[in-house]
Structure formats: structure tokens, C-alpha cells
Amino acid sequence: MADRMVELLTPALTARSADGADAILIDGTLGAGGHSELFLTRFPALRVIGVDRDQSALDQSAERLSRFGDRMSYVHRRYDELAEVFAAESISSCNGVLLDLGVSSMQLDQAQRGFAYASDAPLDMRMNPDDDLTAADVLNTYSHGELARVLSEYGEERFAGKIASAVLAERDKEPFTTSGRLVELLYRVIPAATRRTGGHPAKRTFQALRVEVNAELRSLENALPAAMNRLAVGGRLVVMSYQSLEDRMVKRAFADRVRTKTPPGLPVDLPGTEPDYALVTRGAEQAPEDERERNARSASVRVRAIERIGTKHDW
């Protein structure tokens, strides 16, 4: 949805100048640098700050974007650590924030990272290889209740209890180390009828493990208010989600910010109680059909955007 990202953020980035002069965009999930490259190219005076928890992603994108010089900055942080990012870059606000959530295509394609269930690889799944917890640690050390909760809550897995029981029985024989053994277990545990209609049987479990290992939902919960609070008036936050849990969290956070502070029951807003934010998108936008046909990974994306329109309230 490259063109749509540009369309959503252009009003915020060109408020002072059509070339993006004096505007700052935070690419909170830099990855391989594709979005940043797009915006730096479209707006030749724009400054972009790329944030990523994966140092290898920062290194790769720095090479890719080297031609943009000091218009591009790189910060090794999680996207919920915006206070630290702003302090490091000596800025107090920005004109746009883009969050492209979940695992990146670059990480999916690196088999050794263990994100993909299509190939046998170490059960790692850490977006930041310096973090301690791995997917193998979750499988080998969590109690039945803890593991079932992770699978149910983060993967919306109907058979979370059965899978947790099977994992505990298997790990008593030998600890889990690679994804292939886990996939085999899931094929055994998940009923054949569900396998035929519910997509790959490993999809929900791998998602749940990845979310747990990287604390993705906790990071998103902290990042959304941090990003909205740092927007200048007219600034916009755009979020691309790839699972229902993320999208619901974004929807709730945005709904809270566009709600009036007038007490319920009054026919009009009281002066000074109007919301400081307005929705840019109505509902969650999806990739167009032709893009979904070209790129299967775009099929699950949901896009929401919000704009800051005032500064009355102390959030």
C-alpha cells in the first residue's frame, strides 16, 4: 500500500512546503528501509528518523539509504521508546509517524531467524537478537497454563489447551530446538477438519510465540499514546496492522482520542472539551484486490490513521 501511505501522510509532511522542508517523519518500524526510501524520494527536503529494534535491519537500511545523507537518521530502539528517540535526536515533536507492525518480510525471509513455519529452523523469533527470551524458551519452560494462555490470547488458537498438553509431553522427552518438530506436533494435534479449512495449522501458534517473545502487544499499547502525544498540530499517525489483536488495540486507542470530553447527555460539546484528534480513515482500510493478488502478504493488512487537530488536553 505504498501509494496509500504517501496519500495519508502527505498533508502532514507538506503543511509548510511541498518538498517536505521542516517536516520530520518517524518510521518506527524501519525494517529494510522501503517506506523511508519512498518518502525521502517523494519529498526531497524531508527528514526521516528510522527506528528498529533489529540492528541488522538498521545496518541493511543504512546501506540502502546512504545516498540520502543526513536527511536519514537511524536509532536502535523499539518503537514504543519514542521518548528516548526524541531525546537522542534533540526534537520535541514530529509531523508524521508510520508503524508497520509485525514481523518484516526481511525477517520472514531469513530462515535462520525462525519466524517462518515453512522451513525447519532454530526456534528463535527474536526481532532483537540481543534479547534473552526465545520461542524455544517459551515452549520448554512455560507451565501448561502460561503456554495455553499465550496461544489462546495472542494466537486466538481454539486448541490452545491441547497444544500446550502435547508440548509439555514432548518436551519431557527432549527439549524443543527447531521449528520442524513443532510443526509436526501441530499437524498431529489439530483436527484434520480444521486443518482443511483454517489455513496452515502452525500459523496461529507461530504468531502467538512471536508476539510473546517480542512483547509486541505491550509495545504497541505503549507506542500508540507516545506517538500521538508527540505529533505536532496537523501531524498524522498511520498504523498498518496484520492481526486482529493489533487492529482492535489501534481502533480503541484512536476512538479514545477522538471522543469529546463533554459529559454524556449534553446536546453540544462544551467549550474546551472538543477532541484534539480526528480520524483520517473510516474503519480499517485493506490493500486493493490487485495488490493482494500480486503480494499475498498484503492480504491481512489493516490501515488506520489519525490526525492531531489541537493541543488543549494534557494526555
C-alpha atoms as a PDB file:
ATOM      1  CA  MET A   1       0.000   0.000   0.000  1.00  0.00           C
ATOM      2  CA  ALA A   2       2.879   2.355  -0.778  1.00  0.00           C
ATOM      3  CA  ASP A   3       0.775   4.897  -2.658  1.00  0.00           C
ATOM      4  CA  ARG A   4      -1.837   4.955   0.097  1.00  0.00           C
ATOM      5  CA  MET A   5       0.834   5.564   2.737  1.00  0.00           C
ATOM      6  CA  VAL A   6       2.048   8.583   0.776  1.00  0.00           C
ATOM      7  CA  GLU A   7      -1.521   9.816   0.335  1.00  0.00           C
ATOM      8  CA  LEU A   8      -2.301   9.545   4.041  1.00  0.00           C
ATOM      9  CA  LEU A   9       0.867  11.284   5.240  1.00  0.00           C
ATOM     10  CA  THR A  10       1.342  13.934   2.533  1.00  0.00           C
ATOM     11  CA  PRO A  11      -0.892  16.604   4.152  1.00  0.00           C
ATOM     12  CA  ALA A  12       1.095  16.345   7.375  1.00  0.00           C
ATOM     13  CA  LEU A  13       4.508  16.361   5.710  1.00  0.00           C
ATOM     14  CA  THR A  14       3.824  19.210   3.260  1.00  0.00           C
ATOM     15  CA  ALA A  15       1.998  21.668   5.520  1.00  0.00           C
ATOM     16  CA  ARG A  16       4.898  24.145   5.252  1.00  0.00           C
ATOM     17  CA  SER A  17       6.460  23.149   1.952  1.00  0.00           C
ATOM     18  CA  ALA A  18       5.618  20.791  -0.873  1.00  0.00           C
ATOM     19  CA  ASP A  19       9.091  19.258  -0.720  1.00  0.00           C
ATOM     20  CA  GLY A  20       8.777  18.327   2.964  1.00  0.00           C
ATOM     21  CA  ALA A  21      11.108  21.038   4.230  1.00  0.00           C
ATOM     22  CA  ASP A  22      10.991  21.458   8.044  1.00  0.00           C
ATOM     23  CA  ALA A  23       8.987  18.246   8.387  1.00  0.00           C
ATOM     24  CA  ILE A  24      10.032  15.142  10.301  1.00  0.00           C
ATOM     25  CA  LEU A  25       8.706  11.620   9.724  1.00  0.00           C
ATOM     26  CA  ILE A  26       9.316   8.838  12.250  1.00  0.00           C
ATOM     27  CA  ASP A  27       9.493   5.450  10.562  1.00  0.00           C
ATOM     28  CA  GLY A  28       9.005   3.454  13.742  1.00  0.00           C
ATOM     29  CA  THR A  29       9.495   0.074  12.074  1.00  0.00           C
ATOM     30  CA  LEU A  30      12.311   0.740   9.644  1.00  0.00           C
ATOM     31  CA  GLY A  31      12.985  -2.840   8.544  1.00  0.00           C
ATOM     32  CA  ALA A  32      14.792  -2.891   5.215  1.00  0.00           C
ATOM     33  CA  GLY A  33      14.016   0.794   4.654  1.00  0.00           C
ATOM     34  CA  GLY A  34      11.420   0.548   1.891  1.00  0.00           C
ATOM     35  CA  HIS A  35       8.967   3.050   3.346  1.00  0.00           C
ATOM     36  CA  SER A  36      11.699   5.505   4.305  1.00  0.00           C
ATOM     37  CA  GLU A  37      13.176   5.320   0.819  1.00  0.00           C
ATOM     38  CA  LEU A  38       9.771   6.061  -0.672  1.00  0.00           C
ATOM     39  CA  PHE A  39       9.209   9.172   1.448  1.00  0.00           C
ATOM     40  CA  LEU A  40      12.742  10.508   1.102  1.00  0.00           C
ATOM     41  CA  THR A  41      12.406  10.202  -2.659  1.00  0.00           C
ATOM     42  CA  ARG A  42       8.943  11.760  -2.893  1.00  0.00           C
ATOM     43  CA  PHE A  43       9.814  14.677  -0.588  1.00  0.00           C
ATOM     44  CA  PRO A  44      13.390  15.823  -1.328  1.00  0.00           C
ATOM     45  CA  ALA A  45      13.703  18.064   1.768  1.00  0.00           C
ATOM     46  CA  LEU A  46      12.048  15.713   4.277  1.00  0.00           C
ATOM     47  CA  ARG A  47      13.933  14.400   7.299  1.00  0.00           C
ATOM     48  CA  VAL A  48      13.242  10.803   8.331  1.00  0.00           C
ATOM     49  CA  ILE A  49      14.189   9.089  11.583  1.00  0.00           C
ATOM     50  CA  GLY A  50      14.226   5.299  11.252  1.00  0.00           C
ATOM     51  CA  VAL A  51      13.695   3.220  14.384  1.00  0.00           C
ATOM     52  CA  ASP A  52      14.175  -0.525  14.679  1.00  0.00           C
ATOM     53  CA  ARG A  53      14.968  -2.999  17.439  1.00  0.00           C
ATOM     54  CA  ASP A  54      16.898  -5.178  14.989  1.00  0.00           C
ATOM     55  CA  GLN A  55      20.442  -3.882  14.465  1.00  0.00           C
ATOM     56  CA  SER A  56      20.855  -5.949  11.302  1.00  0.00           C
ATOM     57  CA  ALA A  57      17.825  -4.141   9.828  1.00  0.00           C
ATOM     58  CA  LEU A  58      19.381  -0.787  10.673  1.00  0.00           C
ATOM     59  CA  ASP A  59      22.665  -1.806   9.059  1.00  0.00           C
ATOM     60  CA  GLN A  60      20.945  -3.025   5.906  1.00  0.00           C
ATOM     61  CA  SER A  61      18.744   0.043   5.566  1.00  0.00           C
ATOM     62  CA  ALA A  62      21.683   2.379   6.239  1.00  0.00           C
ATOM     63  CA  GLU A  63      23.461   0.905   3.233  1.00  0.00           C
ATOM     64  CA  ARG A  64      20.330   1.133   1.109  1.00  0.00           C
ATOM     65  CA  LEU A  65      19.608   4.739   2.104  1.00  0.00           C
ATOM     66  CA  SER A  66      23.157   6.079   2.244  1.00  0.00           C
ATOM     67  CA  ARG A  67      22.550   8.373  -0.740  1.00  0.00           C
ATOM     68  CA  PHE A  68      20.158  10.478   1.351  1.00  0.00           C
ATOM     69  CA  GLY A  69      22.931  11.545   3.720  1.00  0.00           C
ATOM     70  CA  ASP A  70      21.962  13.349   6.905  1.00  0.00           C
ATOM     71  CA  ARG A  71      18.305  13.540   5.901  1.00  0.00           C
ATOM     72  CA  MET A  72      18.096   9.991   7.275  1.00  0.00           C
ATOM     73  CA  SER A  73      18.853   9.028  10.892  1.00  0.00           C
ATOM     74  CA  TYR A  74      18.944   5.563  12.471  1.00  0.00           C
ATOM     75  CA  VAL A  75      18.010   4.700  16.054  1.00  0.00           C
ATOM     76  CA  HIS A  76      18.379   1.262  17.631  1.00  0.00           C
ATOM     77  CA  ARG A  77      15.235   1.228  19.784  1.00  0.00           C
ATOM     78  CA  ARG A  78      11.793  -0.317  19.981  1.00  0.00           C
ATOM     79  CA  TYR A  79       9.035   1.846  18.533  1.00  0.00           C
ATOM     80  CA  ASP A  80       7.472   2.287  21.974  1.00  0.00           C
ATOM     81  CA  GLU A  81      10.627   4.050  23.188  1.00  0.00           C
ATOM     82  CA  LEU A  82       9.807   7.290  21.382  1.00  0.00           C
ATOM     83  CA  ALA A  83      10.739   9.461  24.366  1.00  0.00           C
ATOM     84  CA  GLU A  84      14.295   8.148  24.104  1.00  0.00           C
ATOM     85  CA  VAL A  85      14.252   8.526  20.326  1.00  0.00           C
ATOM     86  CA  PHE A  86      13.185  12.163  20.520  1.00  0.00           C
ATOM     87  CA  ALA A  87      15.786  12.895  23.192  1.00  0.00           C
ATOM     88  CA  ALA A  88      18.528  11.288  21.109  1.00  0.00           C
ATOM     89  CA  GLU A  89      17.526  13.332  18.054  1.00  0.00           C
ATOM     90  CA  SER A  90      17.011  16.564  20.034  1.00  0.00           C
ATOM     91  CA  ILE A  91      13.439  17.102  18.819  1.00  0.00           C
ATOM     92  CA  SER A  92      10.191  17.659  20.724  1.00  0.00           C
ATOM     93  CA  SER A  93       7.572  16.781  18.101  1.00  0.00           C
ATOM     94  CA  CYS A  94       7.151  15.350  14.606  1.00  0.00           C
ATOM     95  CA  ASN A  95       4.808  15.669  11.661  1.00  0.00           C
ATOM     96  CA  GLY A  96       4.225  12.012  10.949  1.00  0.00           C
ATOM     97  CA  VAL A  97       4.678   8.579  12.451  1.00  0.00           C
ATOM     98  CA  LEU A  98       4.401   5.360  10.443  1.00  0.00           C
ATOM     99  CA  LEU A  99       4.146   1.991  12.183  1.00  0.00           C
ATOM    100  CA  ASP A 100       4.202  -1.137  10.004  1.00  0.00           C
ATOM    101  CA  LEU A 101       3.603  -3.766  12.657  1.00  0.00           C
ATOM    102  CA  GLY A 102       4.559  -7.413  12.998  1.00  0.00           C
ATOM    103  CA  VAL A 103       7.456  -9.307  11.505  1.00  0.00           C
ATOM    104  CA  SER A 104       9.056  -7.791   8.412  1.00  0.00           C
ATOM    105  CA  SER A 105       9.382  -9.544   5.077  1.00  0.00           C
ATOM    106  CA  MET A 106      13.138  -9.329   5.524  1.00  0.00           C
ATOM    107  CA  GLN A 107      12.914 -11.246   8.806  1.00  0.00           C
ATOM    108  CA  LEU A 108      10.484 -13.801   7.378  1.00  0.00           C
ATOM    109  CA  ASP A 109      12.853 -14.497   4.522  1.00  0.00           C
ATOM    110  CA  GLN A 110      15.810 -15.107   6.852  1.00  0.00           C
ATOM    111  CA  ALA A 111      15.143 -18.759   7.660  1.00  0.00           C
ATOM    112  CA  GLN A 112      17.663 -18.866  10.492  1.00  0.00           C
ATOM    113  CA  ARG A 113      15.570 -16.354  12.472  1.00  0.00           C
ATOM    114  CA  GLY A 114      12.838 -18.975  12.923  1.00  0.00           C
ATOM    115  CA  PHE A 115       9.837 -16.766  12.103  1.00  0.00           C
ATOM    116  CA  ALA A 116       8.523 -18.877   9.229  1.00  0.00           C
ATOM    117  CA  TYR A 117       6.975 -22.302   9.652  1.00  0.00           C
ATOM    118  CA  ALA A 118       7.666 -23.286   6.053  1.00  0.00           C
ATOM    119  CA  SER A 119      11.273 -24.264   6.785  1.00  0.00           C
ATOM    120  CA  ASP A 120      12.943 -26.105   9.655  1.00  0.00           C
ATOM    121  CA  ALA A 121      14.995 -23.584  11.635  1.00  0.00           C
ATOM    122  CA  PRO A 122      16.009 -22.776  15.218  1.00  0.00           C
ATOM    123  CA  LEU A 123      13.066 -21.701  17.382  1.00  0.00           C
ATOM    124  CA  ASP A 124      14.311 -18.162  17.893  1.00  0.00           C
ATOM    125  CA  MET A 125      11.824 -15.499  16.687  1.00  0.00           C
ATOM    126  CA  ARG A 126      13.603 -12.585  18.380  1.00  0.00           C
ATOM    127  CA  MET A 127      13.335  -9.325  16.457  1.00  0.00           C
ATOM    128  CA  ASN A 128      16.272  -8.091  18.512  1.00  0.00           C
ATOM    129  CA  PRO A 129      18.833 -10.920  18.692  1.00  0.00           C
ATOM    130  CA  ASP A 130      20.231  -9.354  21.870  1.00  0.00           C
ATOM    131  CA  ASP A 131      17.011 -10.063  23.792  1.00  0.00           C
ATOM    132  CA  ASP A 132      17.052 -13.054  26.135  1.00  0.00           C
ATOM    133  CA  LEU A 133      13.736 -14.846  25.552  1.00  0.00           C
ATOM    134  CA  THR A 134      13.391 -17.150  22.513  1.00  0.00           C
ATOM    135  CA  ALA A 135      10.485 -19.211  21.221  1.00  0.00           C
ATOM    136  CA  ALA A 136      12.306 -22.335  22.396  1.00  0.00           C
ATOM    137  CA  ASP A 137      12.432 -20.879  25.919  1.00  0.00           C
ATOM    138  CA  VAL A 138       8.674 -20.341  25.873  1.00  0.00           C
ATOM    139  CA  LEU A 139       7.990 -23.896  24.724  1.00  0.00           C
ATOM    140  CA  ASN A 140      10.473 -25.504  27.103  1.00  0.00           C
ATOM    141  CA  THR A 141       9.894 -23.523  30.303  1.00  0.00           C
ATOM    142  CA  TYR A 142       6.343 -22.159  30.430  1.00  0.00           C
ATOM    143  CA  SER A 143       3.766 -24.004  32.515  1.00  0.00           C
ATOM    144  CA  HIS A 144       0.744 -25.557  30.838  1.00  0.00           C
ATOM    145  CA  GLY A 145      -1.436 -22.624  31.886  1.00  0.00           C
ATOM    146  CA  GLU A 146       1.059 -20.000  30.756  1.00  0.00           C
ATOM    147  CA  LEU A 147       1.577 -21.625  27.383  1.00  0.00           C
ATOM    148  CA  ALA A 148      -2.138 -22.168  26.797  1.00  0.00           C
ATOM    149  CA  ARG A 149      -2.781 -18.510  27.648  1.00  0.00           C
ATOM    150  CA  VAL A 150      -0.157 -17.313  25.149  1.00  0.00           C
ATOM    151  CA  LEU A 151      -1.562 -19.500  22.373  1.00  0.00           C
ATOM    152  CA  SER A 152      -5.162 -18.533  23.107  1.00  0.00           C
ATOM    153  CA  GLU A 153      -4.657 -14.816  23.739  1.00  0.00           C
ATOM    154  CA  TYR A 154      -2.018 -13.985  21.155  1.00  0.00           C
ATOM    155  CA  GLY A 155      -2.795 -16.596  18.515  1.00  0.00           C
ATOM    156  CA  GLU A 156      -6.552 -16.935  19.044  1.00  0.00           C
ATOM    157  CA  GLU A 157      -5.908 -20.661  18.852  1.00  0.00           C
ATOM    158  CA  ARG A 158      -9.009 -22.797  19.578  1.00  0.00           C
ATOM    159  CA  PHE A 159      -6.906 -25.808  20.545  1.00  0.00           C
ATOM    160  CA  ALA A 160      -4.528 -23.968  22.862  1.00  0.00           C
ATOM    161  CA  GLY A 161      -5.045 -26.366  25.766  1.00  0.00           C
ATOM    162  CA  LYS A 162      -4.500 -29.462  23.635  1.00  0.00           C
ATOM    163  CA  ILE A 163      -1.393 -27.992  22.040  1.00  0.00           C
ATOM    164  CA  ALA A 164       0.036 -26.998  25.428  1.00  0.00           C
ATOM    165  CA  SER A 165      -0.529 -30.536  26.759  1.00  0.00           C
ATOM    166  CA  ALA A 166       1.200 -32.049  23.740  1.00  0.00           C
ATOM    167  CA  VAL A 167       4.145 -29.643  24.037  1.00  0.00           C
ATOM    168  CA  LEU A 168       4.683 -30.499  27.706  1.00  0.00           C
ATOM    169  CA  ALA A 169       4.555 -34.234  26.950  1.00  0.00           C
ATOM    170  CA  GLU A 170       7.059 -33.857  24.100  1.00  0.00           C
ATOM    171  CA  ARG A 171       9.484 -31.620  25.932  1.00  0.00           C
ATOM    172  CA  ASP A 172       9.722 -34.204  28.721  1.00  0.00           C
ATOM    173  CA  LYS A 173      11.259 -36.495  26.124  1.00  0.00           C
ATOM    174  CA  GLU A 174      13.512 -33.853  24.572  1.00  0.00           C
ATOM    175  CA  PRO A 175      13.515 -30.029  24.639  1.00  0.00           C
ATOM    176  CA  PHE A 176      12.258 -28.206  21.538  1.00  0.00           C
ATOM    177  CA  THR A 177      15.014 -26.637  19.464  1.00  0.00           C
ATOM    178  CA  THR A 178      13.730 -26.385  15.867  1.00  0.00           C
ATOM    179  CA  SER A 179      10.509 -25.346  14.178  1.00  0.00           C
ATOM    180  CA  GLY A 180      10.101 -28.558  12.193  1.00  0.00           C
ATOM    181  CA  ARG A 181       9.377 -30.632  15.285  1.00  0.00           C
ATOM    182  CA  LEU A 182       6.798 -28.098  16.476  1.00  0.00           C
ATOM    183  CA  VAL A 183       5.060 -28.084  13.096  1.00  0.00           C
ATOM    184  CA  GLU A 184       4.872 -31.893  13.159  1.00  0.00           C
ATOM    185  CA  LEU A 185       3.283 -31.742  16.611  1.00  0.00           C
ATOM    186  CA  LEU A 186       0.689 -29.235  15.435  1.00  0.00           C
ATOM    187  CA  TYR A 187      -0.261 -31.444  12.486  1.00  0.00           C
ATOM    188  CA  ARG A 188      -0.880 -34.266  14.960  1.00  0.00           C
ATOM    189  CA  VAL A 189      -2.847 -32.266  17.494  1.00  0.00           C
ATOM    190  CA  ILE A 190      -5.067 -30.027  15.356  1.00  0.00           C
ATOM    191  CA  PRO A 191      -8.024 -31.990  13.912  1.00  0.00           C
ATOM    192  CA  ALA A 192      -7.949 -32.760  10.203  1.00  0.00           C
ATOM    193  CA  ALA A 193     -11.221 -30.922   9.551  1.00  0.00           C
ATOM    194  CA  THR A 194      -9.745 -27.713  10.971  1.00  0.00           C
ATOM    195  CA  ARG A 195      -6.531 -28.177   9.000  1.00  0.00           C
ATOM    196  CA  ARG A 196      -8.520 -28.384   5.778  1.00  0.00           C
ATOM    197  CA  THR A 197     -10.380 -25.108   6.332  1.00  0.00           C
ATOM    198  CA  GLY A 198      -8.395 -22.990   8.785  1.00  0.00           C
ATOM    199  CA  GLY A 199      -5.176 -22.308   6.911  1.00  0.00           C
ATOM    200  CA  HIS A 200      -1.797 -23.713   7.893  1.00  0.00           C
ATOM    201  CA  PRO A 201      -2.070 -25.369  11.335  1.00  0.00           C
ATOM    202  CA  ALA A 202       1.112 -23.660  12.537  1.00  0.00           C
ATOM    203  CA  LYS A 203       0.083 -20.099  11.650  1.00  0.00           C
ATOM    204  CA  ARG A 204      -1.649 -19.180  14.915  1.00  0.00           C
ATOM    205  CA  THR A 205       0.902 -20.873  17.173  1.00  0.00           C
ATOM    206  CA  PHE A 206       3.856 -19.219  15.450  1.00  0.00           C
ATOM    207  CA  GLN A 207       2.128 -15.847  15.653  1.00  0.00           C
ATOM    208  CA  ALA A 208       1.461 -16.317  19.361  1.00  0.00           C
ATOM    209  CA  LEU A 209       5.045 -17.316  20.108  1.00  0.00           C
ATOM    210  CA  ARG A 210       6.436 -14.378  18.145  1.00  0.00           C
ATOM    211  CA  VAL A 211       4.143 -11.913  19.920  1.00  0.00           C
ATOM    212  CA  GLU A 212       5.156 -13.304  23.319  1.00  0.00           C
ATOM    213  CA  VAL A 213       8.883 -13.372  22.581  1.00  0.00           C
ATOM    214  CA  ASN A 214       8.905  -9.769  21.361  1.00  0.00           C
ATOM    215  CA  ALA A 215       6.244  -8.371  23.731  1.00  0.00           C
ATOM    216  CA  GLU A 216       4.567  -6.961  20.634  1.00  0.00           C
ATOM    217  CA  LEU A 217       1.187  -6.076  22.104  1.00  0.00           C
ATOM    218  CA  ARG A 218       2.705  -4.453  25.179  1.00  0.00           C
ATOM    219  CA  SER A 219       4.978  -2.431  22.908  1.00  0.00           C
ATOM    220  CA  LEU A 220       2.049  -1.354  20.742  1.00  0.00           C
ATOM    221  CA  GLU A 221      -0.043  -0.424  23.785  1.00  0.00           C
ATOM    222  CA  ASN A 222       2.739   1.912  24.938  1.00  0.00           C
ATOM    223  CA  ALA A 223       3.661   3.180  21.479  1.00  0.00           C
ATOM    224  CA  LEU A 224       0.248   4.464  20.415  1.00  0.00           C
ATOM    225  CA  PRO A 225      -0.170   7.152  23.103  1.00  0.00           C
ATOM    226  CA  ALA A 226       3.526   8.029  22.888  1.00  0.00           C
ATOM    227  CA  ALA A 227       3.249   8.609  19.132  1.00  0.00           C
ATOM    228  CA  MET A 228       0.019  10.605  19.299  1.00  0.00           C
ATOM    229  CA  ASN A 229       1.318  12.798  22.111  1.00  0.00           C
ATOM    230  CA  ARG A 230       4.398  13.727  20.064  1.00  0.00           C
ATOM    231  CA  LEU A 231       2.533  14.796  16.922  1.00  0.00           C
ATOM    232  CA  ALA A 232       2.571  18.475  16.054  1.00  0.00           C
ATOM    233  CA  VAL A 233      -0.794  20.017  15.192  1.00  0.00           C
ATOM    234  CA  GLY A 234      -1.644  18.708  11.740  1.00  0.00           C
ATOM    235  CA  GLY A 235       0.614  15.701  12.264  1.00  0.00           C
ATOM    236  CA  ARG A 236      -0.596  12.200  11.477  1.00  0.00           C
ATOM    237  CA  LEU A 237      -0.034   8.689  12.813  1.00  0.00           C
ATOM    238  CA  VAL A 238      -0.573   5.820  10.356  1.00  0.00           C
ATOM    239  CA  VAL A 239      -0.609   2.238  11.583  1.00  0.00           C
ATOM    240  CA  MET A 240      -0.503  -0.917   9.457  1.00  0.00           C
ATOM    241  CA  SER A 241      -1.707  -3.971  11.422  1.00  0.00           C
ATOM    242  CA  TYR A 242      -1.626  -7.595  10.344  1.00  0.00           C
ATOM    243  CA  GLN A 243      -3.651  -9.357  13.024  1.00  0.00           C
ATOM    244  CA  SER A 244      -6.989  -8.665  14.684  1.00  0.00           C
ATOM    245  CA  LEU A 245      -5.483  -8.155  18.147  1.00  0.00           C
ATOM    246  CA  GLU A 246      -3.310  -5.305  16.902  1.00  0.00           C
ATOM    247  CA  ASP A 247      -6.072  -3.703  14.873  1.00  0.00           C
ATOM    248  CA  ARG A 248      -8.513  -3.761  17.800  1.00  0.00           C
ATOM    249  CA  MET A 249      -5.910  -2.098  20.004  1.00  0.00           C
ATOM    250  CA  VAL A 250      -5.332   0.639  17.424  1.00  0.00           C
ATOM    251  CA  LYS A 251      -9.087   1.113  16.948  1.00  0.00           C
ATOM    252  CA  ARG A 252      -9.656   1.547  20.699  1.00  0.00           C
ATOM    253  CA  ALA A 253      -6.731   3.937  21.137  1.00  0.00           C
ATOM    254  CA  PHE A 254      -7.875   6.114  18.241  1.00  0.00           C
ATOM    255  CA  ALA A 255     -11.514   6.072  19.395  1.00  0.00           C
ATOM    256  CA  ASP A 256     -10.448   7.330  22.813  1.00  0.00           C
ATOM    257  CA  ARG A 257      -8.572  10.274  21.331  1.00  0.00           C
ATOM    258  CA  VAL A 258     -11.423  11.464  19.061  1.00  0.00           C
ATOM    259  CA  ARG A 259     -14.011  11.289  21.838  1.00  0.00           C
ATOM    260  CA  THR A 260     -15.317  14.581  23.238  1.00  0.00           C
ATOM    261  CA  LYS A 261     -14.649  15.430  26.884  1.00  0.00           C
ATOM    262  CA  THR A 262     -18.156  16.844  27.299  1.00  0.00           C
ATOM    263  CA  PRO A 263     -20.143  14.923  29.966  1.00  0.00           C
ATOM    264  CA  PRO A 264     -22.620  12.433  28.442  1.00  0.00           C
ATOM    265  CA  GLY A 265     -26.149  13.637  27.766  1.00  0.00           C
ATOM    266  CA  LEU A 266     -25.417  17.218  26.719  1.00  0.00           C
ATOM    267  CA  PRO A 267     -26.635  18.131  23.217  1.00  0.00           C
ATOM    268  CA  VAL A 268     -23.463  20.003  22.177  1.00  0.00           C
ATOM    269  CA  ASP A 269     -19.783  19.998  23.140  1.00  0.00           C
ATOM    270  CA  LEU A 270     -18.911  22.369  25.932  1.00  0.00           C
ATOM    271  CA  PRO A 271     -16.224  24.936  25.058  1.00  0.00           C
ATOM    272  CA  GLY A 272     -12.764  23.483  25.528  1.00  0.00           C
ATOM    273  CA  THR A 273     -13.932  19.852  25.576  1.00  0.00           C
ATOM    274  CA  GLU A 274     -13.662  19.167  21.854  1.00  0.00           C
ATOM    275  CA  PRO A 275     -11.252  16.351  20.940  1.00  0.00           C
ATOM    276  CA  ASP A 276      -7.698  17.179  19.904  1.00  0.00           C
ATOM    277  CA  TYR A 277      -7.634  14.378  17.301  1.00  0.00           C
ATOM    278  CA  ALA A 278      -9.691  13.394  14.262  1.00  0.00           C
ATOM    279  CA  LEU A 279      -9.854  10.144  12.334  1.00  0.00           C
ATOM    280  CA  VAL A 280      -8.399  10.261   8.836  1.00  0.00           C
ATOM    281  CA  THR A 281      -9.595   6.790   7.842  1.00  0.00           C
ATOM    282  CA  ARG A 282     -13.088   5.477   8.454  1.00  0.00           C
ATOM    283  CA  GLY A 283     -12.729   1.939   9.678  1.00  0.00           C
ATOM    284  CA  ALA A 284      -9.762  -0.210   8.737  1.00  0.00           C
ATOM    285  CA  GLU A 285      -8.611   0.033   5.131  1.00  0.00           C
ATOM    286  CA  GLN A 286      -7.377  -3.041   3.274  1.00  0.00           C
ATOM    287  CA  ALA A 287      -4.994  -3.464   0.384  1.00  0.00           C
ATOM    288  CA  PRO A 288      -6.735  -3.266  -3.004  1.00  0.00           C
ATOM    289  CA  GLU A 289      -7.556  -6.536  -4.701  1.00  0.00           C
ATOM    290  CA  ASP A 290      -4.883  -6.198  -7.373  1.00  0.00           C
ATOM    291  CA  GLU A 291      -2.204  -5.729  -4.731  1.00  0.00           C
ATOM    292  CA  ARG A 292      -3.427  -8.748  -2.752  1.00  0.00           C
ATOM    293  CA  GLU A 293      -3.129 -10.791  -5.934  1.00  0.00           C
ATOM    294  CA  ARG A 294       0.437  -9.568  -6.552  1.00  0.00           C
ATOM    295  CA  ASN A 295       1.588  -9.797  -2.952  1.00  0.00           C
ATOM    296  CA  ALA A 296      -0.048 -12.408  -0.736  1.00  0.00           C
ATOM    297  CA  ARG A 297       1.482 -10.865   2.395  1.00  0.00           C
ATOM    298  CA  SER A 298      -0.663  -7.749   1.912  1.00  0.00           C
ATOM    299  CA  ALA A 299      -3.908  -9.709   2.287  1.00  0.00           C
ATOM    300  CA  SER A 300      -4.108  -9.304   6.063  1.00  0.00           C
ATOM    301  CA  VAL A 301      -3.075  -5.647   6.376  1.00  0.00           C
ATOM    302  CA  ARG A 302      -5.450  -3.205   8.069  1.00  0.00           C
ATOM    303  CA  VAL A 303      -4.647   0.518   7.933  1.00  0.00           C
ATOM    304  CA  ARG A 304      -5.865   3.231  10.294  1.00  0.00           C
ATOM    305  CA  ALA A 305      -4.778   6.876  10.508  1.00  0.00           C
ATOM    306  CA  ILE A 306      -5.399   9.739  12.943  1.00  0.00           C
ATOM    307  CA  GLU A 307      -4.521  13.456  12.859  1.00  0.00           C
ATOM    308  CA  ARG A 308      -3.807  15.872  15.681  1.00  0.00           C
ATOM    309  CA  ILE A 309      -6.016  18.952  15.324  1.00  0.00           C
ATOM    310  CA  GLY A 310      -5.498  20.689  18.693  1.00  0.00           C
ATOM    311  CA  THR A 311      -3.411  20.882  21.858  1.00  0.00           C
ATOM    312  CA  LYS A 312      -5.948  21.655  24.579  1.00  0.00           C
ATOM    313  CA  HIS A 313      -5.772  18.464  26.585  1.00  0.00           C
ATOM    314  CA  ASP A 314      -2.927  17.077  28.663  1.00  0.00           C
ATOM    315  CA  TRP A 315      -2.829  13.401  27.796  1.00  0.00           C
END
